[in-house]
Amino acid sequence: MEGMGQFFAMGGYAGYVWPAFAIVLVVMAALWFISDRGWRKSEQTLAALRKNRRQRESDAE
């Protein structure tokens, strides 16, 4: 278990490494959430535009 303790201590730099790791993890999760939400909104907009186009094409006939 001493090896794990040394790993988590990061050679004395654990106070810098683990908070930096946590910040990166939070930022990546936020980027994923924002991107996913934007993608879903874009998909809804595209579906609405396609529906509108089909209606206009059927009205023109």
PDB file of N, CA and C in Angstrom:
ATOM      1  N   MET A   1       0.813  -1.197   0.000  1.00  0.00           N
ATOM      2  CA  MET A   1       0.000   0.000   0.000  1.00  0.00           C
ATOM      3  C   MET A   1       0.854   1.258   0.000  1.00  0.00           C
ATOM      4  N   GLU A   2       2.138   1.093   0.335  1.00  0.00           N
ATOM      5  CA  GLU A   2       3.006   2.268   0.345  1.00  0.00           C
ATOM      6  C   GLU A   2       3.134   2.850  -1.052  1.00  0.00           C
ATOM      7  N   GLY A   3       3.108   1.985  -2.070  1.00  0.00           N
ATOM      8  CA  GLY A   3       3.199   2.454  -3.446  1.00  0.00           C
ATOM      9  C   GLY A   3       2.027   3.340  -3.827  1.00  0.00           C
ATOM     10  N   MET A   4       0.837   2.986  -3.331  1.00  0.00           N
ATOM     11  CA  MET A   4      -0.342   3.798  -3.618  1.00  0.00           C
ATOM     12  C   MET A   4      -0.245   5.147  -2.911  1.00  0.00           C
ATOM     13  N   GLY A   5       0.266   5.141  -1.680  1.00  0.00           N
ATOM     14  CA  GLY A   5       0.444   6.388  -0.937  1.00  0.00           C
ATOM     15  C   GLY A   5       1.403   7.316  -1.646  1.00  0.00           C
ATOM     16  N   GLN A   6       2.478   6.749  -2.177  1.00  0.00           N
ATOM     17  CA  GLN A   6       3.446   7.553  -2.929  1.00  0.00           C
ATOM     18  C   GLN A   6       2.815   8.094  -4.211  1.00  0.00           C
ATOM     19  N   PHE A   7       1.988   7.248  -4.836  1.00  0.00           N
ATOM     20  CA  PHE A   7       1.327   7.699  -6.059  1.00  0.00           C
ATOM     21  C   PHE A   7       0.417   8.890  -5.771  1.00  0.00           C
ATOM     22  N   PHE A   8      -0.421   8.750  -4.729  1.00  0.00           N
ATOM     23  CA  PHE A   8      -1.351   9.833  -4.413  1.00  0.00           C
ATOM     24  C   PHE A   8      -0.647  11.069  -3.868  1.00  0.00           C
ATOM     25  N   ALA A   9       0.538  10.913  -3.304  1.00  0.00           N
ATOM     26  CA  ALA A   9       1.309  12.062  -2.816  1.00  0.00           C
ATOM     27  C   ALA A   9       1.970  12.804  -3.965  1.00  0.00           C
ATOM     28  N   MET A  10       2.128  12.132  -5.105  1.00  0.00           N
ATOM     29  CA  MET A  10       2.711  12.730  -6.320  1.00  0.00           C
ATOM     30  C   MET A  10       4.051  13.399  -6.043  1.00  0.00           C
ATOM     31  N   GLY A  11       4.855  12.756  -5.249  1.00  0.00           N
ATOM     32  CA  GLY A  11       6.190  13.281  -4.978  1.00  0.00           C
ATOM     33  C   GLY A  11       6.165  14.624  -4.269  1.00  0.00           C
ATOM     34  N   GLY A  12       5.135  14.873  -3.487  1.00  0.00           N
ATOM     35  CA  GLY A  12       5.032  16.137  -2.763  1.00  0.00           C
ATOM     36  C   GLY A  12       4.257  17.202  -3.510  1.00  0.00           C
ATOM     37  N   TYR A  13       3.833  16.903  -4.721  1.00  0.00           N
ATOM     38  CA  TYR A  13       3.114  17.882  -5.523  1.00  0.00           C
ATOM     39  C   TYR A  13       1.610  17.603  -5.585  1.00  0.00           C
ATOM     40  N   ALA A  14       1.123  16.761  -4.717  1.00  0.00           N
ATOM     41  CA  ALA A  14      -0.295  16.381  -4.738  1.00  0.00           C
ATOM     42  C   ALA A  14      -1.206  17.586  -4.538  1.00  0.00           C
ATOM     43  N   GLY A  15      -0.766  18.563  -3.773  1.00  0.00           N
ATOM     44  CA  GLY A  15      -1.555  19.775  -3.540  1.00  0.00           C
ATOM     45  C   GLY A  15      -1.777  20.587  -4.799  1.00  0.00           C
ATOM     46  N   TYR A  16      -0.960  20.368  -5.804  1.00  0.00           N
ATOM     47  CA  TYR A  16      -1.107  21.066  -7.086  1.00  0.00           C
ATOM     48  C   TYR A  16      -1.736  20.158  -8.144  1.00  0.00           C
ATOM     49  N   VAL A  17      -1.345  18.891  -8.126  1.00  0.00           N
ATOM     50  CA  VAL A  17      -1.778  17.957  -9.171  1.00  0.00           C
ATOM     51  C   VAL A  17      -3.259  17.640  -9.054  1.00  0.00           C
ATOM     52  N   TRP A  18      -3.725  17.241  -7.859  1.00  0.00           N
ATOM     53  CA  TRP A  18      -5.111  16.790  -7.722  1.00  0.00           C
ATOM     54  C   TRP A  18      -6.125  17.912  -7.915  1.00  0.00           C
ATOM     55  N   PRO A  19      -5.884  19.118  -7.394  1.00  0.00           N
ATOM     56  CA  PRO A  19      -6.838  20.196  -7.711  1.00  0.00           C
ATOM     57  C   PRO A  19      -6.849  20.527  -9.212  1.00  0.00           C
ATOM     58  N   ALA A  20      -5.689  20.490  -9.849  1.00  0.00           N
ATOM     59  CA  ALA A  20      -5.642  20.748 -11.292  1.00  0.00           C
ATOM     60  C   ALA A  20      -6.412  19.663 -12.048  1.00  0.00           C
ATOM     61  N   PHE A  21      -6.252  18.418 -11.614  1.00  0.00           N
ATOM     62  CA  PHE A  21      -6.986  17.316 -12.221  1.00  0.00           C
ATOM     63  C   PHE A  21      -8.486  17.508 -12.043  1.00  0.00           C
ATOM     64  N   ALA A  22      -8.898  17.914 -10.852  1.00  0.00           N
ATOM     65  CA  ALA A  22     -10.323  18.138 -10.578  1.00  0.00           C
ATOM     66  C   ALA A  22     -10.875  19.279 -11.432  1.00  0.00           C
ATOM     67  N   ILE A  23     -10.109  20.347 -11.582  1.00  0.00           N
ATOM     68  CA  ILE A  23     -10.554  21.481 -12.404  1.00  0.00           C
ATOM     69  C   ILE A  23     -10.727  21.049 -13.848  1.00  0.00           C
ATOM     70  N   VAL A  24      -9.770  20.304 -14.362  1.00  0.00           N
ATOM     71  CA  VAL A  24      -9.871  19.822 -15.747  1.00  0.00           C
ATOM     72  C   VAL A  24     -11.090  18.921 -15.904  1.00  0.00           C
ATOM     73  N   LEU A  25     -11.322  18.058 -14.940  1.00  0.00           N
ATOM     74  CA  LEU A  25     -12.471  17.166 -14.996  1.00  0.00           C
ATOM     75  C   LEU A  25     -13.787  17.950 -15.009  1.00  0.00           C
ATOM     76  N   VAL A  26     -13.889  18.972 -14.176  1.00  0.00           N
ATOM     77  CA  VAL A  26     -15.099  19.803 -14.129  1.00  0.00           C
ATOM     78  C   VAL A  26     -15.276  20.558 -15.445  1.00  0.00           C
ATOM     79  N   VAL A  27     -14.206  21.121 -15.972  1.00  0.00           N
ATOM     80  CA  VAL A  27     -14.296  21.870 -17.234  1.00  0.00           C
ATOM     81  C   VAL A  27     -14.697  20.947 -18.376  1.00  0.00           C
ATOM     82  N   MET A  28     -14.108  19.758 -18.434  1.00  0.00           N
ATOM     83  CA  MET A  28     -14.464  18.817 -19.504  1.00  0.00           C
ATOM     84  C   MET A  28     -15.922  18.377 -19.389  1.00  0.00           C
ATOM     85  N   ALA A  29     -16.393  18.142 -18.182  1.00  0.00           N
ATOM     86  CA  ALA A  29     -17.798  17.762 -17.986  1.00  0.00           C
ATOM     87  C   ALA A  29     -18.720  18.898 -18.397  1.00  0.00           C
ATOM     88  N   ALA A  30     -18.357  20.127 -18.061  1.00  0.00           N
ATOM     89  CA  ALA A  30     -19.179  21.282 -18.453  1.00  0.00           C
ATOM     90  C   ALA A  30     -19.200  21.436 -19.969  1.00  0.00           C
ATOM     91  N   LEU A  31     -18.065  21.269 -20.620  1.00  0.00           N
ATOM     92  CA  LEU A  31     -18.017  21.360 -22.078  1.00  0.00           C
ATOM     93  C   LEU A  31     -18.867  20.280 -22.727  1.00  0.00           C
ATOM     94  N   TRP A  32     -18.818  19.067 -22.168  1.00  0.00           N
ATOM     95  CA  TRP A  32     -19.645  17.986 -22.698  1.00  0.00           C
ATOM     96  C   TRP A  32     -21.122  18.320 -22.547  1.00  0.00           C
ATOM     97  N   PHE A  33     -21.508  18.819 -21.375  1.00  0.00           N
ATOM     98  CA  PHE A  33     -22.906  19.152 -21.115  1.00  0.00           C
ATOM     99  C   PHE A  33     -23.384  20.258 -22.053  1.00  0.00           C
ATOM    100  N   ILE A  34     -22.599  21.304 -22.203  1.00  0.00           N
ATOM    101  CA  ILE A  34     -22.967  22.426 -23.069  1.00  0.00           C
ATOM    102  C   ILE A  34     -23.046  21.975 -24.521  1.00  0.00           C
ATOM    103  N   SER A  35     -22.088  21.172 -24.961  1.00  0.00           N
ATOM    104  CA  SER A  35     -22.088  20.676 -26.336  1.00  0.00           C
ATOM    105  C   SER A  35     -23.283  19.774 -26.605  1.00  0.00           C
ATOM    106  N   ASP A  36     -23.588  18.897 -25.662  1.00  0.00           N
ATOM    107  CA  ASP A  36     -24.725  17.987 -25.826  1.00  0.00           C
ATOM    108  C   ASP A  36     -26.033  18.772 -25.897  1.00  0.00           C
ATOM    109  N   ARG A  37     -26.173  19.754 -25.040  1.00  0.00           N
ATOM    110  CA  ARG A  37     -27.387  20.580 -25.042  1.00  0.00           C
ATOM    111  C   ARG A  37     -27.515  21.347 -26.352  1.00  0.00           C
ATOM    112  N   GLY A  38     -26.428  21.902 -26.841  1.00  0.00           N
ATOM    113  CA  GLY A  38     -26.445  22.617 -28.123  1.00  0.00           C
ATOM    114  C   GLY A  38     -26.754  21.700 -29.284  1.00  0.00           C
ATOM    115  N   TRP A  39     -26.193  20.485 -29.247  1.00  0.00           N
ATOM    116  CA  TRP A  39     -26.463  19.523 -30.312  1.00  0.00           C
ATOM    117  C   TRP A  39     -27.936  19.156 -30.343  1.00  0.00           C
ATOM    118  N   ARG A  40     -28.521  18.910 -29.171  1.00  0.00           N
ATOM    119  CA  ARG A  40     -29.941  18.558 -29.110  1.00  0.00           C
ATOM    120  C   ARG A  40     -30.817  19.707 -29.609  1.00  0.00           C
ATOM    121  N   LYS A  41     -30.454  20.921 -29.258  1.00  0.00           N
ATOM    122  CA  LYS A  41     -31.214  22.088 -29.719  1.00  0.00           C
ATOM    123  C   LYS A  41     -31.098  22.221 -31.238  1.00  0.00           C
ATOM    124  N   SER A  42     -29.915  21.988 -31.776  1.00  0.00           N
ATOM    125  CA  SER A  42     -29.719  22.046 -33.223  1.00  0.00           C
ATOM    126  C   SER A  42     -30.526  20.974 -33.936  1.00  0.00           C
ATOM    127  N   GLU A  43     -30.589  19.780 -33.347  1.00  0.00           N
ATOM    128  CA  GLU A  43     -31.377  18.703 -33.933  1.00  0.00           C
ATOM    129  C   GLU A  43     -32.861  19.061 -33.957  1.00  0.00           C
ATOM    130  N   GLN A  44     -33.347  19.684 -32.894  1.00  0.00           N
ATOM    131  CA  GLN A  44     -34.746  20.099 -32.855  1.00  0.00           C
ATOM    132  C   GLN A  44     -35.025  21.178 -33.898  1.00  0.00           C
ATOM    133  N   THR A  45     -34.110  22.130 -34.032  1.00  0.00           N
ATOM    134  CA  THR A  45     -34.271  23.188 -35.026  1.00  0.00           C
ATOM    135  C   THR A  45     -34.272  22.607 -36.428  1.00  0.00           C
ATOM    136  N   LEU A  46     -33.367  21.678 -36.693  1.00  0.00           N
ATOM    137  CA  LEU A  46     -33.296  21.044 -38.003  1.00  0.00           C
ATOM    138  C   LEU A  46     -34.573  20.268 -38.310  1.00  0.00           C
ATOM    139  N   ALA A  47     -35.084  19.549 -37.322  1.00  0.00           N
ATOM    140  CA  ALA A  47     -36.329  18.797 -37.529  1.00  0.00           C
ATOM    141  C   ALA A  47     -37.483  19.742 -37.839  1.00  0.00           C
ATOM    142  N   ALA A  48     -37.551  20.866 -37.136  1.00  0.00           N
ATOM    143  CA  ALA A  48     -38.612  21.849 -37.391  1.00  0.00           C
ATOM    144  C   ALA A  48     -38.475  22.451 -38.788  1.00  0.00           C
ATOM    145  N   LEU A  49     -37.257  22.750 -39.200  1.00  0.00           N
ATOM    146  CA  LEU A  49     -37.039  23.308 -40.539  1.00  0.00           C
ATOM    147  C   LEU A  49     -37.417  22.308 -41.628  1.00  0.00           C
ATOM    148  N   ARG A  50     -37.067  21.045 -41.424  1.00  0.00           N
ATOM    149  CA  ARG A  50     -37.425  20.018 -42.403  1.00  0.00           C
ATOM    150  C   ARG A  50     -38.942  19.862 -42.494  1.00  0.00           C
ATOM    151  N   LYS A  51     -39.608  19.900 -41.347  1.00  0.00           N
ATOM    152  CA  LYS A  51     -41.067  19.776 -41.331  1.00  0.00           C
ATOM    153  C   LYS A  51     -41.690  20.963 -42.059  1.00  0.00           C
ATOM    154  N   ASN A  52     -41.182  22.149 -41.802  1.00  0.00           N
ATOM    155  CA  ASN A  52     -41.687  23.363 -42.450  1.00  0.00           C
ATOM    156  C   ASN A  52     -41.472  23.284 -43.956  1.00  0.00           C
ATOM    157  N   ARG A  53     -40.319  22.786 -44.375  1.00  0.00           N
ATOM    158  CA  ARG A  53     -40.037  22.680 -45.806  1.00  0.00           C
ATOM    159  C   ARG A  53     -40.977  21.682 -46.476  1.00  0.00           C
ATOM    160  N   ARG A  54     -41.225  20.549 -45.827  1.00  0.00           N
ATOM    161  CA  ARG A  54     -42.159  19.558 -46.390  1.00  0.00           C
ATOM    162  C   ARG A  54     -43.555  20.135 -46.522  1.00  0.00           C
ATOM    163  N   GLN A  55     -43.972  20.926 -45.529  1.00  0.00           N
ATOM    164  CA  GLN A  55     -45.292  21.549 -45.598  1.00  0.00           C
ATOM    165  C   GLN A  55     -45.363  22.554 -46.741  1.00  0.00           C
ATOM    166  N   ARG A  56     -44.322  23.344 -46.917  1.00  0.00           N
ATOM    167  CA  ARG A  56     -44.312  24.323 -48.014  1.00  0.00           C
ATOM    168  C   ARG A  56     -44.316  23.636 -49.371  1.00  0.00           C
ATOM    169  N   GLU A  57     -43.567  22.542 -49.480  1.00  0.00           N
ATOM    170  CA  GLU A  57     -43.536  21.811 -50.747  1.00  0.00           C
ATOM    171  C   GLU A  57     -44.876  21.168 -51.061  1.00  0.00           C
ATOM    172  N   SER A  58     -45.559  20.649 -50.046  1.00  0.00           N
ATOM    173  CA  SER A  58     -46.864  20.028 -50.301  1.00  0.00           C
ATOM    174  C   SER A  58     -47.916  21.086 -50.588  1.00  0.00           C
ATOM    175  N   ASP A  59     -47.784  22.292 -50.002  1.00  0.00           N
ATOM    176  CA  ASP A  59     -48.719  23.382 -50.280  1.00  0.00           C
ATOM    177  C   ASP A  59     -48.520  23.925 -51.691  1.00  0.00           C
ATOM    178  N   ALA A  60     -47.295  23.851 -52.210  1.00  0.00           N
ATOM    179  CA  ALA A  60     -46.994  24.394 -53.530  1.00  0.00           C
ATOM    180  C   ALA A  60     -47.540  23.497 -54.637  1.00  0.00           C
ATOM    181  N   GLU A  61     -47.767  22.231 -54.332  1.00  0.00           N
ATOM    182  CA  GLU A  61     -48.248  21.291 -55.351  1.00  0.00           C
ATOM    183  C   GLU A  61     -49.678  21.452 -55.633  1.00  0.00           C
TER     184      GLU A  61
END
